[in-house]
């Protein structure tokens, strides 16, 4: 049996974070599966392997529903992140059936496609307000002035968050998601722990208010969601709301900023969308463009799954509790699945990208993320058709993480 190749991904290298795709292409071709000694994980790079594993129920997002930490050989939980760990244990992303099935069924009763689509008019109004005056500012940071405000405003309105509390959501989200990186610091743990505690306290208060005085918002809908006499516990409701903020906000911000960067680098693509934006019925064009931008530069490049049953994968014996890293960013550029994968093709169809996952953990917020990205792009093209990069020759600067990969800023000129 040929031993599995060993390779350490340079996850902290700014050059790799800025442009991981050449190295990912080399790995995909030469070592499609390898062991990373730093992460202590088997890593998969090809679309077929990743998509198959995401549907394979011998892998999951958690193993603690079947085994104890001692049985898995895991260290005891870190008391510095007790609230964060409890949060992870109570939401959809890191739960497994039957708990996952129950939670998803209840949350779907509240987070319906109709509720999402009903947001279109409000999203367009928010975008118009954000764009007002940007054209007169010359150079501005598209990330801070446009990409960041929308998702947090939308999720705040969707939840029914009071106006005076909304400024806290972005810092809380930024702190919490740092614990999804492979090697968070002690300071990262402390910040995330405090953010989960503070957000939980606010949501607990709001949930109590909604039980007494229902409103037309998602917190009320989650409070009232009932199936066969079953309801979400208070903790499950709180952790679901925190997850909706984190998952919806980070991916949307990073996806929009990276997408605009790609479009402005390939000027012809931007001009094509500007032309389409003039048409009243152009949303379909922008929905297609959004899918391709999510494929082309994946905002959440790497996820993982935990082995639930002993098995052999790529010639390697895996035992329960071991983890497998899935390089979505690599699978989304796999030439075996996508024609001309390194080209941005805005009309690509079909487009089976991995950016929202697959299987039972397929992203519940995907419809909202798609709508936000399509509407954001269209509004930007209509308002600022002459948008340019402030310095086309400058290397983009990223925040420093690979699992949550995003630009630190994106300086542009209105025309």
Protein backbone atom coordinates (compact mmCIF):
# COMPACT_ATOMS: atom_id res chain seq x y z
CA UNK A 1 0.00 0.00 0.00
CA UNK A 2 1.42 3.38 -1.01
CA UNK A 3 1.66 5.69 2.02
CA UNK A 4 -0.37 8.86 1.86
CA UNK A 5 1.76 11.89 0.86
CA UNK A 6 2.46 14.45 3.58
CA UNK A 7 2.16 18.17 2.97
CA UNK A 8 1.67 21.15 5.29
CA UNK A 9 -0.66 23.78 3.86
CA UNK A 10 0.80 27.27 4.44
CA UNK A 11 -2.39 28.51 6.07
CA UNK A 12 -0.71 31.52 7.68
CA UNK A 13 1.28 32.61 4.61
CA UNK A 14 -0.12 35.93 3.30
CA UNK A 15 0.89 34.99 -0.26
CA UNK A 16 -1.09 31.74 -0.06
CA UNK A 17 -4.11 33.46 1.47
CA UNK A 18 -3.97 36.14 -1.23
CA UNK A 19 -3.91 33.59 -4.06
CA UNK A 20 -4.19 29.92 -3.03
CA UNK A 21 -5.22 28.68 -6.45
CA UNK A 22 -1.84 27.86 -8.09
CA UNK A 23 -0.81 25.68 -5.16
CA UNK A 24 -4.27 24.09 -4.95
CA UNK A 25 -4.07 23.23 -8.67
CA UNK A 26 -0.69 21.57 -8.15
CA UNK A 27 -1.94 19.58 -5.18
CA UNK A 28 -5.12 18.58 -7.00
CA UNK A 29 -3.04 17.22 -9.89
CA UNK A 30 -0.19 15.54 -8.00
CA UNK A 31 -1.45 14.75 -4.50
CA UNK A 32 -5.25 14.95 -4.50
CA UNK A 33 -5.31 13.45 -1.00
CA UNK A 34 -2.59 14.10 1.57
CA UNK A 35 -1.96 14.27 5.30
CA UNK A 36 -1.30 17.67 6.84
CA UNK A 37 0.80 17.17 10.00
CA UNK A 38 0.11 20.70 11.26
CA UNK A 39 -3.67 20.34 11.14
CA UNK A 40 -3.45 16.57 11.83
CA UNK A 41 -5.98 15.95 9.12
CA UNK A 42 -6.31 14.10 5.86
CA UNK A 43 -6.99 16.72 3.18
CA UNK A 44 -9.05 16.27 0.00
CA UNK A 45 -8.73 18.56 -3.02
CA UNK A 46 -10.87 17.12 -5.83
CA UNK A 47 -14.53 17.92 -6.46
CA UNK A 48 -15.58 14.27 -6.79
CA UNK A 49 -13.94 13.24 -3.52
CA UNK A 50 -15.31 16.25 -1.61
CA UNK A 51 -18.86 15.95 -2.92
CA UNK A 52 -18.92 12.21 -2.20
CA UNK A 53 -17.69 12.67 1.36
CA UNK A 54 -20.22 15.44 2.07
CA UNK A 55 -22.99 12.94 1.29
CA UNK A 56 -21.36 10.04 3.16
CA UNK A 57 -23.04 9.52 6.54
CA UNK A 58 -19.90 7.82 7.89
CA UNK A 59 -18.68 11.39 8.33
CA UNK A 60 -20.33 14.17 10.31
CA UNK A 61 -19.90 17.59 11.84
CA UNK A 62 -19.80 16.10 15.34
CA UNK A 63 -18.95 12.74 16.89
CA UNK A 64 -19.93 13.41 20.49
CA UNK A 65 -23.45 12.13 19.89
CA UNK A 66 -21.91 8.65 19.48
CA UNK A 67 -18.71 8.66 21.52
CA UNK A 68 -17.19 10.21 24.62
CA UNK A 69 -14.09 12.36 24.40
CA UNK A 70 -12.08 9.57 26.03
CA UNK A 71 -13.25 7.07 23.42
CA UNK A 72 -12.24 9.47 20.65
CA UNK A 73 -8.90 10.31 22.22
CA UNK A 74 -9.87 14.00 22.36
CA UNK A 75 -8.59 16.29 25.10
CA UNK A 76 -11.05 17.60 27.69
CA UNK A 77 -12.98 20.74 26.71
CA UNK A 78 -11.18 24.03 27.17
CA UNK A 79 -12.85 25.99 30.01
CA UNK A 80 -11.82 29.24 28.29
CA UNK A 81 -14.44 28.60 25.61
CA UNK A 82 -17.18 26.81 27.52
CA UNK A 83 -19.96 29.09 26.26
CA UNK A 84 -18.68 28.86 22.69
CA UNK A 85 -18.58 25.04 22.88
CA UNK A 86 -22.12 24.95 24.29
CA UNK A 87 -23.23 27.19 21.42
CA UNK A 88 -21.70 24.78 18.89
CA UNK A 89 -23.48 21.86 20.52
CA UNK A 90 -26.91 23.41 20.05
CA UNK A 91 -27.07 24.62 16.46
CA UNK A 92 -27.58 23.00 13.08
CA UNK A 93 -24.06 23.28 11.71
CA UNK A 94 -22.39 21.05 14.30
CA UNK A 95 -25.18 18.62 15.15
CA UNK A 96 -26.04 15.24 13.67
CA UNK A 97 -29.26 13.22 13.29
CA UNK A 98 -31.58 12.77 15.02
CA UNK A 99 -30.91 16.12 16.70
CA UNK A 100 -30.01 17.81 13.40
CA UNK A 101 -33.16 16.51 11.73
CA UNK A 102 -35.31 17.89 14.55
CA UNK A 103 -33.59 21.29 14.66
CA UNK A 104 -33.63 21.77 10.90
CA UNK A 105 -37.31 20.88 10.68
CA UNK A 106 -38.22 23.43 13.33
CA UNK A 107 -35.98 26.20 12.00
CA UNK A 108 -37.29 25.69 8.46
CA UNK A 109 -40.81 26.40 9.72
CA UNK A 110 -39.63 29.94 10.53
CA UNK A 111 -36.87 30.56 7.99
CA UNK A 112 -39.01 29.96 4.91
CA UNK A 113 -38.25 30.78 1.25
CA UNK A 114 -41.27 33.09 1.30
CA UNK A 115 -39.81 35.04 4.24
CA UNK A 116 -36.50 35.37 2.35
CA UNK A 117 -38.05 36.47 -0.95
CA UNK A 118 -40.22 38.99 0.88
CA UNK A 119 -37.01 40.77 1.86
CA UNK A 120 -36.16 41.81 -1.71
CA UNK A 121 -37.77 45.23 -1.55
CA UNK A 122 -36.24 46.00 1.83
CA UNK A 123 -32.78 44.85 0.67
CA UNK A 124 -33.03 47.12 -2.37
CA UNK A 125 -33.97 50.07 -0.14
CA UNK A 126 -31.00 49.40 2.17
CA UNK A 127 -28.67 49.20 -0.84
CA UNK A 128 -29.98 52.46 -2.27
CA UNK A 129 -29.34 54.21 1.05
CA UNK A 130 -25.81 52.79 1.27
CA UNK A 131 -24.96 53.87 -2.28
CA UNK A 132 -26.29 57.39 -1.82
CA UNK A 133 -23.35 59.74 -1.90
CA UNK A 134 -20.64 57.15 -2.60
CA UNK A 135 -20.28 58.38 -6.17
CA UNK A 136 -19.21 61.81 -4.88
CA UNK A 137 -16.52 60.53 -2.55
CA UNK A 138 -13.85 59.69 -5.11
CA UNK A 139 -11.92 56.83 -3.49
CA UNK A 140 -13.61 54.73 -0.81
CA UNK A 141 -13.36 51.32 0.82
CA UNK A 142 -16.01 49.15 -0.79
CA UNK A 143 -15.72 46.59 1.99
CA UNK A 144 -16.48 48.96 4.88
CA UNK A 145 -18.82 51.30 3.01
CA UNK A 146 -20.86 48.77 1.04
CA UNK A 147 -20.14 45.05 1.51
CA UNK A 148 -20.18 44.96 5.31
CA UNK A 149 -23.30 46.97 6.23
CA UNK A 150 -25.86 45.07 4.13
CA UNK A 151 -25.75 41.52 5.54
CA UNK A 152 -25.66 42.66 9.15
CA UNK A 153 -28.54 45.09 8.53
CA UNK A 154 -30.59 42.41 6.77
CA UNK A 155 -30.04 39.75 9.43
CA UNK A 156 -30.76 42.34 12.15
CA UNK A 157 -34.05 43.25 10.50
CA UNK A 158 -34.88 39.61 9.82
CA UNK A 159 -34.35 38.75 13.48
CA UNK A 160 -36.09 41.90 14.72
CA UNK A 161 -33.00 43.33 16.42
CA UNK A 162 -33.49 46.80 17.96
CA UNK A 163 -31.74 49.57 16.04
CA UNK A 164 -29.60 50.61 19.01
CA UNK A 165 -28.12 47.09 19.34
CA UNK A 166 -27.20 46.50 15.69
CA UNK A 167 -23.75 48.03 15.87
CA UNK A 168 -22.69 45.17 18.13
CA UNK A 169 -23.44 42.40 15.64
CA UNK A 170 -20.47 42.81 13.30
CA UNK A 171 -17.84 42.85 16.11
CA UNK A 172 -19.51 39.84 17.76
CA UNK A 173 -19.51 37.90 14.48
CA UNK A 174 -15.88 38.79 13.71
CA UNK A 175 -14.82 37.59 17.17
CA UNK A 176 -16.78 34.33 17.09
CA UNK A 177 -15.63 33.12 13.67
CA UNK A 178 -11.94 33.31 14.62
CA UNK A 179 -12.41 30.07 16.55
CA UNK A 180 -13.09 28.27 13.28
CA UNK A 181 -9.50 28.83 12.16
CA UNK A 182 -7.11 25.88 12.77
CA UNK A 183 -5.00 27.58 15.47
CA UNK A 184 -6.87 30.33 17.36
CA UNK A 185 -4.94 32.20 20.05
CA UNK A 186 -5.90 32.52 23.70
CA UNK A 187 -6.98 36.08 23.00
CA UNK A 188 -9.19 34.79 20.16
CA UNK A 189 -10.79 32.33 22.60
CA UNK A 190 -11.46 35.04 25.15
CA UNK A 191 -12.97 37.40 22.59
CA UNK A 192 -15.21 34.71 21.09
CA UNK A 193 -16.34 33.53 24.52
CA UNK A 194 -17.32 37.05 25.53
CA UNK A 195 -19.09 37.67 22.21
CA UNK A 196 -21.21 34.52 22.55
CA UNK A 197 -22.10 35.44 26.14
CA UNK A 198 -23.08 39.00 25.22
CA UNK A 199 -25.07 38.01 22.13
CA UNK A 200 -26.82 35.23 24.08
CA UNK A 201 -27.88 37.67 26.81
CA UNK A 202 -29.40 40.04 24.25
CA UNK A 203 -31.23 37.24 22.41
CA UNK A 204 -32.54 35.77 25.66
CA UNK A 205 -34.09 39.14 26.48
CA UNK A 206 -35.57 39.53 23.01
CA UNK A 207 -37.01 36.00 23.00
CA UNK A 208 -38.75 36.71 26.32
CA UNK A 209 -40.21 39.90 24.87
CA UNK A 210 -41.48 38.08 21.76
CA UNK A 211 -43.18 35.41 23.84
CA UNK A 212 -45.12 38.17 25.57
CA UNK A 213 -45.54 40.46 22.54
CA UNK A 214 -45.13 38.67 19.17
CA UNK A 215 -43.90 40.65 16.18
CA UNK A 216 -43.40 39.98 12.49
CA UNK A 217 -39.79 38.84 12.75
CA UNK A 218 -37.70 35.68 12.78
CA UNK A 219 -37.22 35.57 16.56
CA UNK A 220 -41.00 35.48 16.98
CA UNK A 221 -41.30 32.83 14.27
CA UNK A 222 -38.64 30.70 15.99
CA UNK A 223 -40.36 31.14 19.36
CA UNK A 224 -43.64 29.98 17.80
CA UNK A 225 -42.23 27.20 15.59
CA UNK A 226 -43.90 23.97 16.63
CA UNK A 227 -44.04 20.49 15.13
CA UNK A 228 -45.92 17.65 16.75
CA UNK A 229 -45.85 19.45 20.08
CA UNK A 230 -42.09 20.01 19.89
CA UNK A 231 -40.50 23.45 20.07
CA UNK A 232 -37.00 24.87 20.17
CA UNK A 233 -35.59 25.24 23.66
CA UNK A 234 -34.51 28.72 24.65
CA UNK A 235 -30.85 27.77 24.22
CA UNK A 236 -31.49 26.19 20.81
CA UNK A 237 -33.29 29.34 19.67
CA UNK A 238 -30.45 31.58 20.86
CA UNK A 239 -27.76 29.46 19.24
CA UNK A 240 -29.72 29.27 15.98
CA UNK A 241 -29.86 33.07 15.83
CA UNK A 242 -26.13 33.39 16.51
CA UNK A 243 -25.42 30.86 13.75
CA UNK A 244 -27.61 32.77 11.29
CA UNK A 245 -25.61 35.92 11.98
CA UNK A 246 -22.20 34.28 11.67
CA UNK A 247 -22.83 32.00 8.72
CA UNK A 248 -24.88 34.53 6.77
CA UNK A 249 -22.77 37.57 7.50
CA UNK A 250 -19.19 36.42 7.01
CA UNK A 251 -19.83 34.52 3.78
CA UNK A 252 -21.92 37.33 2.30
CA UNK A 253 -19.42 40.09 3.10
CA UNK A 254 -16.43 38.13 1.84
CA UNK A 255 -18.27 36.79 -1.20
CA UNK A 256 -19.37 40.24 -2.35
CA UNK A 257 -15.97 41.89 -1.84
CA UNK A 258 -14.09 39.08 -3.57
CA UNK A 259 -16.64 39.05 -6.37
CA UNK A 260 -16.34 42.78 -7.07
CA UNK A 261 -12.55 42.47 -7.02
CA UNK A 262 -12.72 39.68 -9.62
CA UNK A 263 -15.12 41.67 -11.81
CA UNK A 264 -13.03 44.85 -11.71
CA UNK A 265 -9.87 42.92 -12.52
CA UNK A 266 -11.61 41.47 -15.57
CA UNK A 267 -13.08 44.72 -16.81
CA UNK A 268 -15.09 43.13 -19.58
CA UNK A 269 -17.11 41.14 -17.02
CA UNK A 270 -17.96 44.29 -15.08
CA UNK A 271 -19.04 46.10 -18.24
CA UNK A 272 -21.21 43.14 -19.22
CA UNK A 273 -23.05 43.32 -15.91
CA UNK A 274 -23.38 47.11 -16.16
CA UNK A 275 -25.13 46.61 -19.49
CA UNK A 276 -27.40 43.95 -18.03
CA UNK A 277 -28.26 46.09 -15.00
CA UNK A 278 -30.02 48.61 -17.22
CA UNK A 279 -32.68 46.00 -17.97
CA UNK A 280 -35.58 45.82 -15.53
CA UNK A 281 -35.78 42.00 -15.61
CA UNK A 282 -32.05 41.45 -15.14
CA UNK A 283 -32.06 39.72 -11.74
CA UNK A 284 -31.61 36.31 -13.36
CA UNK A 285 -28.37 37.50 -14.96
CA UNK A 286 -27.08 38.61 -11.58
CA UNK A 287 -28.18 35.40 -9.89
CA UNK A 288 -26.09 33.45 -12.40
CA UNK A 289 -23.16 35.83 -11.91
CA UNK A 290 -23.40 35.41 -8.14
CA UNK A 291 -23.13 31.62 -8.44
CA UNK A 292 -20.05 31.92 -10.62
CA UNK A 293 -18.37 34.43 -8.33
CA UNK A 294 -18.93 32.11 -5.35
CA UNK A 295 -17.29 29.32 -7.33
CA UNK A 296 -14.44 31.39 -8.75
CA UNK A 297 -13.20 32.78 -5.42
CA UNK A 298 -14.73 30.75 -2.60
CA UNK A 299 -15.36 32.85 0.53
CA UNK A 300 -15.20 29.82 2.87
CA UNK A 301 -12.39 27.80 1.28
CA UNK A 302 -12.12 24.90 3.74
CA UNK A 303 -14.55 22.90 5.86
CA UNK A 304 -14.06 19.67 7.75
CA UNK A 305 -15.86 16.48 8.64
CA UNK A 306 -15.30 14.05 11.50
CA UNK A 307 -15.02 10.30 11.00
CA UNK A 308 -17.97 8.51 12.64
CA UNK A 309 -17.16 4.93 11.60
CA UNK A 310 -13.82 3.27 11.02
CA UNK A 311 -13.04 3.12 7.32
CA UNK A 312 -10.29 3.24 4.72
CA UNK A 313 -10.05 6.38 2.59
CA UNK A 314 -7.42 6.79 -0.12
CA UNK A 315 -5.51 3.85 1.30
CA UNK A 316 -5.49 5.29 4.81
CA UNK A 317 -7.26 3.70 7.77
CA UNK A 318 -9.30 6.29 9.66
CA UNK A 319 -10.83 5.80 13.09
CA UNK A 320 -13.76 7.60 14.71
CA UNK A 321 -12.87 11.11 15.86
CA UNK A 322 -10.26 11.78 13.21
CA UNK A 323 -10.91 14.75 10.94
CA UNK A 324 -10.85 15.26 7.19
CA UNK A 325 -10.35 18.73 5.70
CA UNK A 326 -12.25 19.51 2.51
CA UNK A 327 -10.75 22.19 0.27
CA UNK A 328 -13.89 23.66 -1.29
CA UNK A 329 -11.76 26.29 -3.03
CA UNK A 330 -9.84 23.55 -4.80
CA UNK A 331 -12.92 21.51 -5.71
CA UNK A 332 -14.49 24.64 -7.18
CA UNK A 333 -11.57 24.94 -9.62
CA UNK A 334 -11.40 21.24 -10.54
CA UNK A 335 -11.07 20.82 -14.34
CA UNK A 336 -12.62 17.37 -14.04
CA UNK A 337 -15.88 19.06 -13.02
CA UNK A 338 -15.72 22.55 -14.55
CA UNK A 339 -14.77 23.53 -18.07
CA UNK A 340 -12.08 26.26 -18.08
CA UNK A 341 -12.21 26.38 -14.27
CA UNK A 342 -9.75 29.26 -13.86
CA UNK A 343 -11.87 31.54 -16.03
CA UNK A 344 -14.75 33.65 -14.79
CA UNK A 345 -17.76 32.66 -16.92
CA UNK A 346 -20.77 34.57 -15.62
CA UNK A 347 -23.27 32.48 -17.58
CA UNK A 348 -21.82 29.12 -16.45
CA UNK A 349 -24.57 26.51 -16.45
CA UNK A 350 -24.67 24.08 -14.78
CA UNK A 351 -22.58 25.36 -11.90
CA UNK A 352 -22.32 22.64 -9.23
CA UNK A 353 -20.01 24.60 -6.93
CA UNK A 354 -19.41 23.46 -3.38
CA UNK A 355 -19.62 26.85 -1.67
CA UNK A 356 -22.84 26.08 0.22
CA UNK A 357 -21.90 22.47 0.96
CA UNK A 358 -23.92 19.36 0.12
CA UNK A 359 -25.89 16.70 1.92
CA UNK A 360 -27.83 17.20 5.14
CA UNK A 361 -25.65 20.15 6.14
CA UNK A 362 -26.33 22.12 2.97
CA UNK A 363 -26.45 25.78 4.00
CA UNK A 364 -29.91 26.73 5.27
CA UNK A 365 -29.20 30.40 4.52
CA UNK A 366 -28.15 29.83 0.89
CA UNK A 367 -31.31 31.45 -0.59
CA UNK A 368 -30.73 34.64 1.44
CA UNK A 369 -27.02 34.76 0.58
CA UNK A 370 -27.78 34.32 -3.12
CA UNK A 371 -30.44 37.03 -3.10
CA UNK A 372 -28.21 39.49 -1.22
CA UNK A 373 -25.28 38.96 -3.56
CA UNK A 374 -27.35 39.26 -6.75
CA UNK A 375 -29.14 42.41 -5.58
CA UNK A 376 -25.91 43.97 -4.25
CA UNK A 377 -24.13 43.49 -7.56
CA UNK A 378 -27.04 44.85 -9.59
CA UNK A 379 -27.45 47.93 -7.40
CA UNK A 380 -23.71 48.65 -7.56
CA UNK A 381 -23.62 48.33 -11.35
CA UNK A 382 -26.60 50.65 -11.70
CA UNK A 383 -25.33 53.30 -9.30
CA UNK A 384 -21.60 53.27 -10.13
CA UNK A 385 -21.11 51.93 -13.67
CA UNK A 386 -17.65 53.49 -13.92
CA UNK A 387 -16.33 51.83 -10.74
CA UNK A 388 -12.57 51.17 -10.82
CA UNK A 389 -9.92 49.74 -8.51
CA UNK A 390 -8.11 52.64 -6.85
CA UNK A 391 -4.76 50.99 -7.58
CA UNK A 392 -5.06 48.15 -10.11
CA UNK A 393 -1.44 47.12 -9.54
CA UNK A 394 -1.65 46.80 -5.75
CA UNK A 395 -1.90 43.35 -4.18
CA UNK A 396 -5.12 42.94 -2.22
CA UNK A 397 -4.71 42.69 1.56
CA UNK A 398 -6.57 39.92 3.38
CA UNK A 399 -7.51 39.67 7.05
CA UNK A 400 -5.11 36.79 7.69
CA UNK A 401 -7.34 33.72 7.99
CA UNK A 402 -7.84 30.99 5.41
CA UNK A 403 -10.92 29.16 6.72
CA UNK A 404 -12.76 32.50 6.91
CA UNK A 405 -10.96 34.17 4.01
CA UNK A 406 -11.79 37.80 3.37
CA UNK A 407 -10.34 41.08 2.21
CA UNK A 408 -9.25 43.58 4.86
CA UNK A 409 -10.32 46.41 2.55
CA UNK A 410 -11.06 47.09 -1.12
CA UNK A 411 -10.22 50.62 -2.23
CA UNK A 412 -12.13 51.70 -5.33
CA UNK A 413 -12.88 54.87 -7.30
CA UNK A 414 -16.39 55.78 -8.34
CA UNK A 415 -15.36 56.50 -11.92
